[in-house]
Amino acid sequence: MDEKIKTLTESVDALVTDIMGPLRRKIINEPAFAGLYALLEEVELLIREEQQIDRQLAAQLFLVYSQLVTQSGYVYDKSPFVPHIGKMQGLIRKIFGGSLQNV
């Protein structure tokens, strides 16, 4: 794996840890999400032409997205969760299936 991608994946992992604890308590860690989004934009630029994507990165993104959806189901006011669900959907599509979006 490219060293830059490895470093970014490790940074994503640290942010996912910062996101998951509060998220399981139905709290959105806004600074951690902002950092995650910035890192994912960098990741997308680096792996845009790659045929294979790091499994750990895929697992981290799926974990955050699925927990956002799950935890939003437990609260009456979903408004804090909805923007992040949409943003994660968009980034995941951009990273993993950009060319398939127009099919």
PDB file of N, CA and C in Angstrom:
ATOM      1  N   MET A   1       0.850  -1.180   0.000  1.00  0.00           N
ATOM      2  CA  MET A   1       0.000   0.000   0.000  1.00  0.00           C
ATOM      3  C   MET A   1       0.887   1.232   0.000  1.00  0.00           C
ATOM      4  N   ASP A   2       0.491   2.211  -0.770  1.00  0.00           N
ATOM      5  CA  ASP A   2       1.196   3.480  -0.832  1.00  0.00           C
ATOM      6  C   ASP A   2       1.285   4.073   0.575  1.00  0.00           C
ATOM      7  N   GLU A   3       2.439   4.640   0.904  1.00  0.00           N
ATOM      8  CA  GLU A   3       2.672   5.171   2.253  1.00  0.00           C
ATOM      9  C   GLU A   3       1.695   6.295   2.617  1.00  0.00           C
ATOM     10  N   LYS A   4       1.379   7.150   1.647  1.00  0.00           N
ATOM     11  CA  LYS A   4       0.433   8.252   1.904  1.00  0.00           C
ATOM     12  C   LYS A   4      -0.963   7.701   2.219  1.00  0.00           C
ATOM     13  N   ILE A   5      -1.398   6.696   1.468  1.00  0.00           N
ATOM     14  CA  ILE A   5      -2.704   6.079   1.730  1.00  0.00           C
ATOM     15  C   ILE A   5      -2.696   5.408   3.099  1.00  0.00           C
ATOM     16  N   LYS A   6      -1.599   4.747   3.423  1.00  0.00           N
ATOM     17  CA  LYS A   6      -1.496   4.084   4.728  1.00  0.00           C
ATOM     18  C   LYS A   6      -1.623   5.105   5.857  1.00  0.00           C
ATOM     19  N   THR A   7      -0.940   6.217   5.722  1.00  0.00           N
ATOM     20  CA  THR A   7      -1.004   7.272   6.739  1.00  0.00           C
ATOM     21  C   THR A   7      -2.416   7.835   6.852  1.00  0.00           C
ATOM     22  N   LEU A   8      -3.051   8.087   5.712  1.00  0.00           N
ATOM     23  CA  LEU A   8      -4.430   8.594   5.726  1.00  0.00           C
ATOM     24  C   LEU A   8      -5.385   7.582   6.352  1.00  0.00           C
ATOM     25  N   THR A   9      -5.207   6.308   6.041  1.00  0.00           N
ATOM     26  CA  THR A   9      -6.075   5.270   6.608  1.00  0.00           C
ATOM     27  C   THR A   9      -5.921   5.209   8.124  1.00  0.00           C
ATOM     28  N   GLU A  10      -4.694   5.370   8.606  1.00  0.00           N
ATOM     29  CA  GLU A  10      -4.461   5.390  10.057  1.00  0.00           C
ATOM     30  C   GLU A  10      -5.129   6.612  10.694  1.00  0.00           C
ATOM     31  N   SER A  11      -5.075   7.743  10.009  1.00  0.00           N
ATOM     32  CA  SER A  11      -5.733   8.957  10.517  1.00  0.00           C
ATOM     33  C   SER A  11      -7.249   8.786  10.526  1.00  0.00           C
ATOM     34  N   VAL A  12      -7.784   8.155   9.476  1.00  0.00           N
ATOM     35  CA  VAL A  12      -9.221   7.868   9.421  1.00  0.00           C
ATOM     36  C   VAL A  12      -9.597   6.961  10.587  1.00  0.00           C
ATOM     37  N   ASP A  13      -8.778   5.954  10.862  1.00  0.00           N
ATOM     38  CA  ASP A  13      -9.043   5.027  11.955  1.00  0.00           C
ATOM     39  C   ASP A  13      -9.134   5.766  13.294  1.00  0.00           C
ATOM     40  N   ALA A  14      -8.221   6.699  13.523  1.00  0.00           N
ATOM     41  CA  ALA A  14      -8.247   7.473  14.773  1.00  0.00           C
ATOM     42  C   ALA A  14      -9.522   8.304  14.879  1.00  0.00           C
ATOM     43  N   LEU A  15      -9.942   8.900  13.784  1.00  0.00           N
ATOM     44  CA  LEU A  15     -11.171   9.702  13.793  1.00  0.00           C
ATOM     45  C   LEU A  15     -12.406   8.826  13.979  1.00  0.00           C
ATOM     46  N   VAL A  16     -12.397   7.651  13.381  1.00  0.00           N
ATOM     47  CA  VAL A  16     -13.530   6.738  13.549  1.00  0.00           C
ATOM     48  C   VAL A  16     -13.678   6.382  15.028  1.00  0.00           C
ATOM     49  N   THR A  17     -12.561   6.183  15.711  1.00  0.00           N
ATOM     50  CA  THR A  17     -12.607   5.912  17.148  1.00  0.00           C
ATOM     51  C   THR A  17     -13.231   7.091  17.894  1.00  0.00           C
ATOM     52  N   ASP A  18     -12.871   8.314  17.502  1.00  0.00           N
ATOM     53  CA  ASP A  18     -13.433   9.513  18.135  1.00  0.00           C
ATOM     54  C   ASP A  18     -14.922   9.683  17.815  1.00  0.00           C
ATOM     55  N   ILE A  19     -15.355   9.152  16.697  1.00  0.00           N
ATOM     56  CA  ILE A  19     -16.755   9.272  16.275  1.00  0.00           C
ATOM     57  C   ILE A  19     -17.638   8.224  16.944  1.00  0.00           C
ATOM     58  N   MET A  20     -17.148   7.005  17.048  1.00  0.00           N
ATOM     59  CA  MET A  20     -18.002   5.885  17.451  1.00  0.00           C
ATOM     60  C   MET A  20     -18.500   5.958  18.891  1.00  0.00           C
ATOM     61  N   GLY A  21     -17.652   6.346  19.833  1.00  0.00           N
ATOM     62  CA  GLY A  21     -18.081   6.421  21.233  1.00  0.00           C
ATOM     63  C   GLY A  21     -19.279   7.350  21.411  1.00  0.00           C
ATOM     64  N   PRO A  22     -19.143   8.605  21.012  1.00  0.00           N
ATOM     65  CA  PRO A  22     -20.281   9.515  21.128  1.00  0.00           C
ATOM     66  C   PRO A  22     -21.486   9.072  20.292  1.00  0.00           C
ATOM     67  N   LEU A  23     -21.229   8.545  19.107  1.00  0.00           N
ATOM     68  CA  LEU A  23     -22.334   8.137  18.234  1.00  0.00           C
ATOM     69  C   LEU A  23     -23.189   7.068  18.888  1.00  0.00           C
ATOM     70  N   ARG A  24     -22.573   6.159  19.601  1.00  0.00           N
ATOM     71  CA  ARG A  24     -23.342   5.111  20.299  1.00  0.00           C
ATOM     72  C   ARG A  24     -24.180   5.685  21.433  1.00  0.00           C
ATOM     73  N   ARG A  25     -23.858   6.926  21.839  1.00  0.00           N
ATOM     74  CA  ARG A  25     -24.675   7.630  22.835  1.00  0.00           C
ATOM     75  C   ARG A  25     -25.595   8.636  22.159  1.00  0.00           C
ATOM     76  N   LYS A  26     -25.741   8.506  20.809  1.00  0.00           N
ATOM     77  CA  LYS A  26     -26.602   9.374  19.994  1.00  0.00           C
ATOM     78  C   LYS A  26     -26.112  10.812  19.954  1.00  0.00           C
ATOM     79  N   ILE A  27     -24.793  10.993  20.022  1.00  0.00           N
ATOM     80  CA  ILE A  27     -24.172  12.314  19.974  1.00  0.00           C
ATOM     81  C   ILE A  27     -23.286  12.377  18.735  1.00  0.00           C
ATOM     82  N   ILE A  28     -23.391  13.463  17.996  1.00  0.00           N
ATOM     83  CA  ILE A  28     -22.569  13.675  16.811  1.00  0.00           C
ATOM     84  C   ILE A  28     -21.335  14.481  17.220  1.00  0.00           C
ATOM     85  N   ASN A  29     -20.160  13.921  17.013  1.00  0.00           N
ATOM     86  CA  ASN A  29     -18.902  14.617  17.278  1.00  0.00           C
ATOM     87  C   ASN A  29     -18.550  15.416  16.016  1.00  0.00           C
ATOM     88  N   GLU A  30     -19.042  16.651  15.957  1.00  0.00           N
ATOM     89  CA  GLU A  30     -18.895  17.481  14.761  1.00  0.00           C
ATOM     90  C   GLU A  30     -17.440  17.684  14.338  1.00  0.00           C
ATOM     91  N   PRO A  31     -16.524  18.010  15.275  1.00  0.00           N
ATOM     92  CA  PRO A  31     -15.129  18.199  14.845  1.00  0.00           C
ATOM     93  C   PRO A  31     -14.523  16.921  14.245  1.00  0.00           C
ATOM     94  N   ALA A  32     -14.845  15.773  14.815  1.00  0.00           N
ATOM     95  CA  ALA A  32     -14.313  14.512  14.286  1.00  0.00           C
ATOM     96  C   ALA A  32     -14.886  14.224  12.899  1.00  0.00           C
ATOM     97  N   PHE A  33     -16.186  14.484  12.708  1.00  0.00           N
ATOM     98  CA  PHE A  33     -16.779  14.287  11.381  1.00  0.00           C
ATOM     99  C   PHE A  33     -16.155  15.241  10.361  1.00  0.00           C
ATOM    100  N   ALA A  34     -15.930  16.483  10.750  1.00  0.00           N
ATOM    101  CA  ALA A  34     -15.309  17.443   9.828  1.00  0.00           C
ATOM    102  C   ALA A  34     -13.914  16.963   9.423  1.00  0.00           C
ATOM    103  N   GLY A  35     -13.169  16.459  10.381  1.00  0.00           N
ATOM    104  CA  GLY A  35     -11.843  15.913  10.079  1.00  0.00           C
ATOM    105  C   GLY A  35     -11.922  14.698   9.174  1.00  0.00           C
ATOM    106  N   LEU A  36     -12.903  13.834   9.432  1.00  0.00           N
ATOM    107  CA  LEU A  36     -13.094  12.643   8.607  1.00  0.00           C
ATOM    108  C   LEU A  36     -13.407  13.026   7.173  1.00  0.00           C
ATOM    109  N   TYR A  37     -14.303  13.983   6.992  1.00  0.00           N
ATOM    110  CA  TYR A  37     -14.671  14.407   5.641  1.00  0.00           C
ATOM    111  C   TYR A  37     -13.462  14.972   4.888  1.00  0.00           C
ATOM    112  N   ALA A  38     -12.645  15.762   5.575  1.00  0.00           N
ATOM    113  CA  ALA A  38     -11.451  16.330   4.939  1.00  0.00           C
ATOM    114  C   ALA A  38     -10.482  15.223   4.520  1.00  0.00           C
ATOM    115  N   LEU A  39     -10.279  14.248   5.397  1.00  0.00           N
ATOM    116  CA  LEU A  39      -9.393  13.131   5.061  1.00  0.00           C
ATOM    117  C   LEU A  39      -9.938  12.304   3.906  1.00  0.00           C
ATOM    118  N   LEU A  40     -11.239  12.088   3.892  1.00  0.00           N
ATOM    119  CA  LEU A  40     -11.825  11.280   2.829  1.00  0.00           C
ATOM    120  C   LEU A  40     -11.739  11.973   1.475  1.00  0.00           C
ATOM    121  N   GLU A  41     -11.792  13.284   1.461  1.00  0.00           N
ATOM    122  CA  GLU A  41     -11.596  14.009   0.212  1.00  0.00           C
ATOM    123  C   GLU A  41     -10.174  13.782  -0.307  1.00  0.00           C
ATOM    124  N   GLU A  42      -9.200  13.789   0.609  1.00  0.00           N
ATOM    125  CA  GLU A  42      -7.815  13.501   0.223  1.00  0.00           C
ATOM    126  C   GLU A  42      -7.671  12.076  -0.288  1.00  0.00           C
ATOM    127  N   VAL A  43      -8.286  11.140   0.430  1.00  0.00           N
ATOM    128  CA  VAL A  43      -8.235   9.735   0.035  1.00  0.00           C
ATOM    129  C   VAL A  43      -8.808   9.571  -1.364  1.00  0.00           C
ATOM    130  N   GLU A  44      -9.936  10.190  -1.612  1.00  0.00           N
ATOM    131  CA  GLU A  44     -10.593  10.055  -2.916  1.00  0.00           C
ATOM    132  C   GLU A  44      -9.680  10.530  -4.041  1.00  0.00           C
ATOM    133  N   LEU A  45      -8.988  11.622  -3.827  1.00  0.00           N
ATOM    134  CA  LEU A  45      -8.072  12.128  -4.849  1.00  0.00           C
ATOM    135  C   LEU A  45      -6.924  11.167  -5.119  1.00  0.00           C
ATOM    136  N   LEU A  46      -6.428  10.527  -4.063  1.00  0.00           N
ATOM    137  CA  LEU A  46      -5.301   9.615  -4.208  1.00  0.00           C
ATOM    138  C   LEU A  46      -5.676   8.277  -4.835  1.00  0.00           C
ATOM    139  N   ILE A  47      -6.895   7.812  -4.585  1.00  0.00           N
ATOM    140  CA  ILE A  47      -7.251   6.471  -5.061  1.00  0.00           C
ATOM    141  C   ILE A  47      -8.218   6.497  -6.234  1.00  0.00           C
ATOM    142  N   ARG A  48      -8.438   7.644  -6.796  1.00  0.00           N
ATOM    143  CA  ARG A  48      -9.409   7.815  -7.880  1.00  0.00           C
ATOM    144  C   ARG A  48      -9.222   6.800  -9.007  1.00  0.00           C
ATOM    145  N   GLU A  49      -8.004   6.508  -9.384  1.00  0.00           N
ATOM    146  CA  GLU A  49      -7.735   5.613 -10.508  1.00  0.00           C
ATOM    147  C   GLU A  49      -7.392   4.178 -10.078  1.00  0.00           C
ATOM    148  N   GLU A  50      -7.409   3.905  -8.778  1.00  0.00           N
ATOM    149  CA  GLU A  50      -7.048   2.581  -8.289  1.00  0.00           C
ATOM    150  C   GLU A  50      -8.157   1.569  -8.573  1.00  0.00           C
ATOM    151  N   GLN A  51      -7.761   0.342  -8.832  1.00  0.00           N
ATOM    152  CA  GLN A  51      -8.723  -0.736  -9.049  1.00  0.00           C
ATOM    153  C   GLN A  51      -9.101  -1.421  -7.743  1.00  0.00           C
ATOM    154  N   GLN A  52      -8.192  -1.397  -6.774  1.00  0.00           N
ATOM    155  CA  GLN A  52      -8.451  -2.018  -5.481  1.00  0.00           C
ATOM    156  C   GLN A  52      -8.321  -0.966  -4.392  1.00  0.00           C
ATOM    157  N   ILE A  53      -9.151  -1.124  -3.378  1.00  0.00           N
ATOM    158  CA  ILE A  53      -9.176  -0.175  -2.270  1.00  0.00           C
ATOM    159  C   ILE A  53      -8.969  -0.947  -0.979  1.00  0.00           C
ATOM    160  N   ASP A  54      -8.245  -0.338  -0.060  1.00  0.00           N
ATOM    161  CA  ASP A  54      -7.903  -0.972   1.206  1.00  0.00           C
ATOM    162  C   ASP A  54      -9.141  -1.465   1.956  1.00  0.00           C
ATOM    163  N   ARG A  55      -9.110  -2.709   2.346  1.00  0.00           N
ATOM    164  CA  ARG A  55     -10.237  -3.333   3.049  1.00  0.00           C
ATOM    165  C   ARG A  55     -10.530  -2.646   4.387  1.00  0.00           C
ATOM    166  N   GLN A  56      -9.484  -2.258   5.099  1.00  0.00           N
ATOM    167  CA  GLN A  56      -9.665  -1.587   6.388  1.00  0.00           C
ATOM    168  C   GLN A  56     -10.416  -0.266   6.216  1.00  0.00           C
ATOM    169  N   LEU A  57     -10.060   0.474   5.183  1.00  0.00           N
ATOM    170  CA  LEU A  57     -10.747   1.739   4.908  1.00  0.00           C
ATOM    171  C   LEU A  57     -12.222   1.494   4.606  1.00  0.00           C
ATOM    172  N   ALA A  58     -12.505   0.500   3.789  1.00  0.00           N
ATOM    173  CA  ALA A  58     -13.894   0.170   3.461  1.00  0.00           C
ATOM    174  C   ALA A  58     -14.665  -0.192   4.724  1.00  0.00           C
ATOM    175  N   ALA A  59     -14.053  -0.988   5.587  1.00  0.00           N
ATOM    176  CA  ALA A  59     -14.716  -1.404   6.829  1.00  0.00           C
ATOM    177  C   ALA A  59     -15.006  -0.207   7.733  1.00  0.00           C
ATOM    178  N   GLN A  60     -14.060   0.724   7.826  1.00  0.00           N
ATOM    179  CA  GLN A  60     -14.247   1.901   8.665  1.00  0.00           C
ATOM    180  C   GLN A  60     -15.402   2.759   8.161  1.00  0.00           C
ATOM    181  N   LEU A  61     -15.449   2.962   6.856  1.00  0.00           N
ATOM    182  CA  LEU A  61     -16.522   3.789   6.291  1.00  0.00           C
ATOM    183  C   LEU A  61     -17.877   3.123   6.451  1.00  0.00           C
ATOM    184  N   PHE A  62     -17.931   1.821   6.239  1.00  0.00           N
ATOM    185  CA  PHE A  62     -19.192   1.103   6.427  1.00  0.00           C
ATOM    186  C   PHE A  62     -19.635   1.167   7.883  1.00  0.00           C
ATOM    187  N   LEU A  63     -18.692   1.041   8.813  1.00  0.00           N
ATOM    188  CA  LEU A  63     -19.022   1.101  10.239  1.00  0.00           C
ATOM    189  C   LEU A  63     -19.641   2.450  10.598  1.00  0.00           C
ATOM    190  N   VAL A  64     -19.010   3.529  10.183  1.00  0.00           N
ATOM    191  CA  VAL A  64     -19.533   4.863  10.510  1.00  0.00           C
ATOM    192  C   VAL A  64     -20.906   5.062   9.878  1.00  0.00           C
ATOM    193  N   TYR A  65     -21.023   4.739   8.598  1.00  0.00           N
ATOM    194  CA  TYR A  65     -22.307   4.932   7.915  1.00  0.00           C
ATOM    195  C   TYR A  65     -23.414   4.093   8.556  1.00  0.00           C
ATOM    196  N   SER A  66     -23.144   2.829   8.789  1.00  0.00           N
ATOM    197  CA  SER A  66     -24.187   1.954   9.342  1.00  0.00           C
ATOM    198  C   SER A  66     -24.573   2.368  10.756  1.00  0.00           C
ATOM    199  N   GLN A  67     -23.614   2.854  11.542  1.00  0.00           N
ATOM    200  CA  GLN A  67     -23.945   3.316  12.894  1.00  0.00           C
ATOM    201  C   GLN A  67     -24.739   4.621  12.864  1.00  0.00           C
ATOM    202  N   LEU A  68     -24.437   5.495  11.910  1.00  0.00           N
ATOM    203  CA  LEU A  68     -25.247   6.709  11.762  1.00  0.00           C
ATOM    204  C   LEU A  68     -26.703   6.337  11.503  1.00  0.00           C
ATOM    205  N   VAL A  69     -26.915   5.432  10.584  1.00  0.00           N
ATOM    206  CA  VAL A  69     -28.274   5.019  10.235  1.00  0.00           C
ATOM    207  C   VAL A  69     -28.932   4.323  11.429  1.00  0.00           C
ATOM    208  N   THR A  70     -28.218   3.426  12.064  1.00  0.00           N
ATOM    209  CA  THR A  70     -28.772   2.675  13.202  1.00  0.00           C
ATOM    210  C   THR A  70     -29.126   3.597  14.355  1.00  0.00           C
ATOM    211  N   GLN A  71     -28.199   4.453  14.754  1.00  0.00           N
ATOM    212  CA  GLN A  71     -28.437   5.320  15.914  1.00  0.00           C
ATOM    213  C   GLN A  71     -29.516   6.355  15.621  1.00  0.00           C
ATOM    214  N   SER A  72     -29.633   6.783  14.382  1.00  0.00           N
ATOM    215  CA  SER A  72     -30.697   7.745  14.060  1.00  0.00           C
ATOM    216  C   SER A  72     -32.074   7.109  14.228  1.00  0.00           C
ATOM    217  N   GLY A  73     -32.131   5.789  14.122  1.00  0.00           N
ATOM    218  CA  GLY A  73     -33.395   5.089  14.302  1.00  0.00           C
ATOM    219  C   GLY A  73     -33.871   5.070  15.747  1.00  0.00           C
ATOM    220  N   TYR A  74     -32.976   5.392  16.679  1.00  0.00           N
ATOM    221  CA  TYR A  74     -33.319   5.358  18.100  1.00  0.00           C
ATOM    222  C   TYR A  74     -33.702   6.714  18.674  1.00  0.00           C
ATOM    223  N   VAL A  75     -33.668   7.757  17.858  1.00  0.00           N
ATOM    224  CA  VAL A  75     -33.973   9.093  18.363  1.00  0.00           C
ATOM    225  C   VAL A  75     -35.175   9.679  17.636  1.00  0.00           C
ATOM    226  N   TYR A  76     -35.892  10.528  18.331  1.00  0.00           N
ATOM    227  CA  TYR A  76     -37.056  11.182  17.728  1.00  0.00           C
ATOM    228  C   TYR A  76     -36.620  12.241  16.729  1.00  0.00           C
ATOM    229  N   ASP A  77     -35.658  13.069  17.142  1.00  0.00           N
ATOM    230  CA  ASP A  77     -35.164  14.145  16.283  1.00  0.00           C
ATOM    231  C   ASP A  77     -33.957  13.643  15.484  1.00  0.00           C
ATOM    232  N   LYS A  78     -34.179  13.317  14.241  1.00  0.00           N
ATOM    233  CA  LYS A  78     -33.129  12.783  13.384  1.00  0.00           C
ATOM    234  C   LYS A  78     -32.297  13.873  12.706  1.00  0.00           C
ATOM    235  N   SER A  79     -32.658  15.133  12.916  1.00  0.00           N
ATOM    236  CA  SER A  79     -32.014  16.227  12.191  1.00  0.00           C
ATOM    237  C   SER A  79     -30.494  16.306  12.390  1.00  0.00           C
ATOM    238  N   PRO A  80     -29.937  15.950  13.550  1.00  0.00           N
ATOM    239  CA  PRO A  80     -28.474  15.988  13.640  1.00  0.00           C
ATOM    240  C   PRO A  80     -27.800  14.893  12.798  1.00  0.00           C
ATOM    241  N   PHE A  81     -28.514  13.818  12.540  1.00  0.00           N
ATOM    242  CA  PHE A  81     -27.939  12.666  11.846  1.00  0.00           C
ATOM    243  C   PHE A  81     -28.057  12.764  10.327  1.00  0.00           C
ATOM    244  N   VAL A  82     -29.153  13.332   9.848  1.00  0.00           N
ATOM    245  CA  VAL A  82     -29.466  13.316   8.415  1.00  0.00           C
ATOM    246  C   VAL A  82     -28.360  13.927   7.545  1.00  0.00           C
ATOM    247  N   PRO A  83     -27.803  15.097   7.895  1.00  0.00           N
ATOM    248  CA  PRO A  83     -26.749  15.643   7.035  1.00  0.00           C
ATOM    249  C   PRO A  83     -25.516  14.732   6.946  1.00  0.00           C
ATOM    250  N   HIS A  84     -25.199  14.079   8.056  1.00  0.00           N
ATOM    251  CA  HIS A  84     -24.026  13.207   8.073  1.00  0.00           C
ATOM    252  C   HIS A  84     -24.281  11.912   7.308  1.00  0.00           C
ATOM    253  N   ILE A  85     -25.490  11.405   7.369  1.00  0.00           N
ATOM    254  CA  ILE A  85     -25.830  10.218   6.585  1.00  0.00           C
ATOM    255  C   ILE A  85     -25.678  10.539   5.100  1.00  0.00           C
ATOM    256  N   GLY A  86     -26.214  11.670   4.679  1.00  0.00           N
ATOM    257  CA  GLY A  86     -26.104  12.077   3.277  1.00  0.00           C
ATOM    258  C   GLY A  86     -24.668  12.324   2.861  1.00  0.00           C
ATOM    259  N   LYS A  87     -23.897  12.975   3.708  1.00  0.00           N
ATOM    260  CA  LYS A  87     -22.497  13.264   3.392  1.00  0.00           C
ATOM    261  C   LYS A  87     -21.699  11.967   3.270  1.00  0.00           C
ATOM    262  N   MET A  88     -21.930  11.026   4.196  1.00  0.00           N
ATOM    263  CA  MET A  88     -21.221   9.745   4.135  1.00  0.00           C
ATOM    264  C   MET A  88     -21.619   8.974   2.881  1.00  0.00           C
ATOM    265  N   GLN A  89     -22.899   8.983   2.527  1.00  0.00           N
ATOM    266  CA  GLN A  89     -23.340   8.316   1.298  1.00  0.00           C
ATOM    267  C   GLN A  89     -22.602   8.880   0.096  1.00  0.00           C
ATOM    268  N   GLY A  90     -22.540  10.193   0.021  1.00  0.00           N
ATOM    269  CA  GLY A  90     -21.881  10.847  -1.101  1.00  0.00           C
ATOM    270  C   GLY A  90     -20.398  10.522  -1.181  1.00  0.00           C
ATOM    271  N   LEU A  91     -19.724  10.543  -0.037  1.00  0.00           N
ATOM    272  CA  LEU A  91     -18.295  10.242  -0.032  1.00  0.00           C
ATOM    273  C   LEU A  91     -18.023   8.779  -0.361  1.00  0.00           C
ATOM    274  N   ILE A  92     -18.855   7.897   0.160  1.00  0.00           N
ATOM    275  CA  ILE A  92     -18.677   6.474  -0.138  1.00  0.00           C
ATOM    276  C   ILE A  92     -18.871   6.228  -1.628  1.00  0.00           C
ATOM    277  N   ARG A  93     -19.893   6.830  -2.209  1.00  0.00           N
ATOM    278  CA  ARG A  93     -20.105   6.698  -3.654  1.00  0.00           C
ATOM    279  C   ARG A  93     -18.926   7.253  -4.434  1.00  0.00           C
ATOM    280  N   LYS A  94     -18.442   8.392  -4.005  1.00  0.00           N
ATOM    281  CA  LYS A  94     -17.330   9.040  -4.684  1.00  0.00           C
ATOM    282  C   LYS A  94     -16.064   8.182  -4.627  1.00  0.00           C
ATOM    283  N   ILE A  95     -15.804   7.592  -3.461  1.00  0.00           N
ATOM    284  CA  ILE A  95     -14.603   6.789  -3.268  1.00  0.00           C
ATOM    285  C   ILE A  95     -14.712   5.423  -3.948  1.00  0.00           C
ATOM    286  N   PHE A  96     -15.852   4.765  -3.791  1.00  0.00           N
ATOM    287  CA  PHE A  96     -15.953   3.376  -4.234  1.00  0.00           C
ATOM    288  C   PHE A  96     -16.674   3.166  -5.549  1.00  0.00           C
ATOM    289  N   GLY A  97     -17.442   4.126  -6.006  1.00  0.00           N
ATOM    290  CA  GLY A  97     -18.203   3.840  -7.199  1.00  0.00           C
ATOM    291  C   GLY A  97     -18.480   5.024  -8.076  1.00  0.00           C
ATOM    292  N   GLY A  98     -17.592   5.962  -8.098  1.00  0.00           N
ATOM    293  CA  GLY A  98     -17.806   7.184  -8.863  1.00  0.00           C
ATOM    294  C   GLY A  98     -18.227   6.929 -10.290  1.00  0.00           C
ATOM    295  N   SER A  99     -17.597   5.993 -10.964  1.00  0.00           N
ATOM    296  CA  SER A  99     -17.922   5.747 -12.363  1.00  0.00           C
ATOM    297  C   SER A  99     -19.245   5.020 -12.535  1.00  0.00           C
ATOM    298  N   LEU A 100     -19.740   4.400 -11.495  1.00  0.00           N
ATOM    299  CA  LEU A 100     -20.995   3.643 -11.584  1.00  0.00           C
ATOM    300  C   LEU A 100     -22.227   4.488 -11.283  1.00  0.00           C
ATOM    301  N   GLN A 101     -22.037   5.707 -10.812  1.00  0.00           N
ATOM    302  CA  GLN A 101     -23.160   6.534 -10.408  1.00  0.00           C
ATOM    303  C   GLN A 101     -24.085   6.894 -11.566  1.00  0.00           C
ATOM    304  N   ASN A 102     -23.564   6.930 -12.773  1.00  0.00           N
ATOM    305  CA  ASN A 102     -24.374   7.341 -13.920  1.00  0.00           C
ATOM    306  C   ASN A 102     -25.031   6.165 -14.625  1.00  0.00           C
ATOM    307  N   VAL A 103     -24.869   4.963 -14.098  1.00  0.00           N
ATOM    308  CA  VAL A 103     -25.437   3.769 -14.730  1.00  0.00           C
ATOM    309  C   VAL A 103     -26.914   3.686 -14.428  1.00  0.00           C
TER     310      VAL A 103
END
